[in-house]
C-alpha atoms as a PDB file:
ATOM      1  CA  MET A   1      -0.292  -0.133   0.156  1.00  0.00           C
ATOM      2  CA  SER A   2       1.507   3.626  -1.124  1.00  0.00           C
ATOM      3  CA  ALA A   3       1.479   6.072   1.427  1.00  0.00           C
ATOM      4  CA  ARG A   4      -1.437   7.837  -0.653  1.00  0.00           C
ATOM      5  CA  ASP A   5      -2.891   4.769  -0.078  1.00  0.00           C
ATOM      6  CA  ALA A   6      -2.808   4.494   3.518  1.00  0.00           C
ATOM      7  CA  ALA A   7      -3.415   8.235   4.322  1.00  0.00           C
ATOM      8  CA  SER A   8      -7.001   8.429   2.040  1.00  0.00           C
ATOM      9  CA  PRO A   9      -8.200   4.685   1.912  1.00  0.00           C
ATOM     10  CA  THR A  10     -11.437   4.422   0.188  1.00  0.00           C
ATOM     11  CA  ARG A  11     -13.886   4.749   2.260  1.00  0.00           C
ATOM     12  CA  ALA A  12     -17.936   3.793   1.843  1.00  0.00           C
ATOM     13  CA  THR A  13     -19.014   7.258   2.002  1.00  0.00           C
ATOM     14  CA  ASP A  14     -16.648   7.636  -1.548  1.00  0.00           C
ATOM     15  CA  ASP A  15     -18.957   6.172  -3.129  1.00  0.00           C
ATOM     16  CA  PRO A  16     -22.486   6.485  -3.038  1.00  0.00           C
ATOM     17  CA  ALA A  17     -24.469   2.923  -4.108  1.00  0.00           C
ATOM     18  CA  ALA A  18     -21.764   1.729  -1.763  1.00  0.00           C
ATOM     19  CA  ARG A  19     -22.793   4.213   0.587  1.00  0.00           C
ATOM     20  CA  LEU A  20     -26.597   3.373  -0.183  1.00  0.00           C
ATOM     21  CA  ARG A  21     -25.527  -0.632   0.921  1.00  0.00           C
ATOM     22  CA  GLU A  22     -24.498   0.248   3.833  1.00  0.00           C
ATOM     23  CA  LEU A  23     -28.030   2.851   4.629  1.00  0.00           C
ATOM     24  CA  ASP A  24     -30.160   0.116   3.125  1.00  0.00           C
ATOM     25  CA  ARG A  25     -29.244  -2.476   6.047  1.00  0.00           C
ATOM     26  CA  GLU A  26     -28.742   0.535   9.111  1.00  0.00           C
ATOM     27  CA  VAL A  27     -32.450   1.145   8.468  1.00  0.00           C
ATOM     28  CA  LEU A  28     -33.214  -2.053   9.322  1.00  0.00           C
ATOM     29  CA  ASP A  29     -31.801  -2.294  12.018  1.00  0.00           C
ATOM     30  CA  ARG A  30     -32.731   0.823  13.527  1.00  0.00           C
ATOM     31  CA  HIS A  31     -36.618  -0.635  11.862  1.00  0.00           C
ATOM     32  CA  ALA A  32     -35.462  -4.373  14.448  1.00  0.00           C
ATOM     33  CA  LEU A  33     -34.664  -2.304  16.833  1.00  0.00           C
ATOM     34  CA  GLY A  34     -37.075   0.523  16.700  1.00  0.00           C
ATOM     35  CA  ASP A  35     -34.838   3.427  16.822  1.00  0.00           C
ATOM     36  CA  ARG A  36     -37.727   5.557  14.582  1.00  0.00           C
ATOM     37  CA  ARG A  37     -36.050   8.966  15.703  1.00  0.00           C
ATOM     38  CA  ALA A  38     -32.033   7.950  13.961  1.00  0.00           C
ATOM     39  CA  LEU A  39     -34.272   6.729  10.495  1.00  0.00           C
ATOM     40  CA  ALA A  40     -35.076  10.431   9.332  1.00  0.00           C
ATOM     41  CA  PRO A  41     -31.742  11.095   9.220  1.00  0.00           C
ATOM     42  CA  LEU A  42     -30.468   7.983   7.613  1.00  0.00           C
ATOM     43  CA  TYR A  43     -33.305   8.287   5.258  1.00  0.00           C
ATOM     44  CA  GLY A  44     -32.890  11.786   5.056  1.00  0.00           C
ATOM     45  CA  GLU A  45     -29.443  10.398   3.257  1.00  0.00           C
ATOM     46  CA  ALA A  46     -30.577   8.021   1.212  1.00  0.00           C
ATOM     47  CA  GLY A  47     -32.808  10.920  -0.234  1.00  0.00           C
ATOM     48  CA  ARG A  48     -30.218  12.765  -1.367  1.00  0.00           C
ATOM     49  CA  ILE A  49     -27.614  10.293  -2.630  1.00  0.00           C
ATOM     50  CA  ARG A  50     -30.379   9.888  -5.624  1.00  0.00           C
ATOM     51  CA  GLU A  51     -31.383  13.495  -5.804  1.00  0.00           C
ATOM     52  CA  ALA A  52     -27.354  13.721  -6.475  1.00  0.00           C
ATOM     53  CA  GLU A  53     -27.817  11.516  -9.114  1.00  0.00           C
ATOM     54  CA  GLY A  54     -31.632  12.567 -10.330  1.00  0.00           C
ATOM     55  CA  LEU A  55     -33.291   9.621  -9.646  1.00  0.00           C
ATOM     56  CA  ILE A  56     -35.846  12.255  -8.627  1.00  0.00           C
ATOM     57  CA  ASP A  57     -38.480   9.650  -7.159  1.00  0.00           C
ATOM     58  CA  GLU A  58     -37.035   7.706  -5.697  1.00  0.00           C
ATOM     59  CA  ALA A  59     -35.533  10.176  -3.527  1.00  0.00           C
ATOM     60  CA  ALA A  60     -39.262  11.643  -3.466  1.00  0.00           C
ATOM     61  CA  PHE A  61     -39.857   8.441  -1.225  1.00  0.00           C
ATOM     62  CA  LEU A  62     -37.045   7.974   0.621  1.00  0.00           C
ATOM     63  CA  TYR A  63     -38.225  12.269   1.702  1.00  0.00           C
ATOM     64  CA  THR A  64     -41.419  11.460   2.914  1.00  0.00           C
ATOM     65  CA  GLN A  65     -40.526   8.844   4.542  1.00  0.00           C
ATOM     66  CA  ALA A  66     -37.404  10.531   6.949  1.00  0.00           C
ATOM     67  CA  TYR A  67     -39.975  13.903   6.781  1.00  0.00           C
ATOM     68  CA  VAL A  68     -42.872  10.837   8.328  1.00  0.00           C
ATOM     69  CA  TYR A  69     -40.328  10.130  11.361  1.00  0.00           C
ATOM     70  CA  ALA A  70     -39.184  13.765  11.600  1.00  0.00           C
ATOM     71  CA  LEU A  71     -42.301  14.787  12.845  1.00  0.00           C
ATOM     72  CA  GLU A  72     -42.616  11.888  14.320  1.00  0.00           C
ATOM     73  CA  THR A  73     -39.673  12.403  16.971  1.00  0.00           C
ATOM     74  CA  GLY A  74     -40.227  16.610  16.735  1.00  0.00           C
ATOM     75  CA  ASP A  75     -36.978  16.794  14.086  1.00  0.00           C
ATOM     76  CA  THR A  76     -38.010  20.408  13.291  1.00  0.00           C
ATOM     77  CA  ALA A  77     -35.093  21.045  10.753  1.00  0.00           C
ATOM     78  CA  LEU A  78     -34.892  17.366   9.179  1.00  0.00           C
ATOM     79  CA  SER A  79     -38.793  18.115   8.708  1.00  0.00           C
ATOM     80  CA  ARG A  80     -38.724  20.917   7.259  1.00  0.00           C
ATOM     81  CA  GLU A  81     -35.678  20.698   5.658  1.00  0.00           C
ATOM     82  CA  MET A  82     -37.356  17.537   3.525  1.00  0.00           C
ATOM     83  CA  HIS A  83     -40.538  19.102   3.353  1.00  0.00           C
ATOM     84  CA  GLY A  84     -38.818  21.930   1.528  1.00  0.00           C
ATOM     85  CA  ARG A  85     -37.230  19.067  -0.976  1.00  0.00           C
ATOM     86  CA  LEU A  86     -40.543  17.692  -1.551  1.00  0.00           C
ATOM     87  CA  LYS A  87     -42.295  20.566  -2.450  1.00  0.00           C
ATOM     88  CA  HIS A  88     -39.478  21.525  -4.995  1.00  0.00           C
ATOM     89  CA  HIS A  89     -39.824  18.826  -6.768  1.00  0.00           C
ATOM     90  CA  GLY A  90     -43.145  18.897  -6.878  1.00  0.00           C
ATOM     91  CA  ARG A  91     -44.593  16.615  -4.233  1.00  0.00           C
ATOM     92  CA  GLU A  92     -47.545  19.627  -2.872  1.00  0.00           C
ATOM     93  CA  ARG A  93     -49.791  21.143  -5.169  1.00  0.00           C
END
């Protein structure tokens, strides 16, 4: 391994597909644990990745999940952000 490789190892966050796989596992784990508070930011992050990839329908689905869990757990900042993203993509009339 070169010094450059050691200084900047590849992380899953550097690879959107790998990060989405991690998020999928985390979401399933949090659902199994009943940890609703952790679900909103996980769904939100997955939505942002999908939005960056141009997959707006998938992003909107994930934002909706994040929005619902944020509302249920009282995460006002995240619920506002998710609502704004949904409106931006025409998901509210």
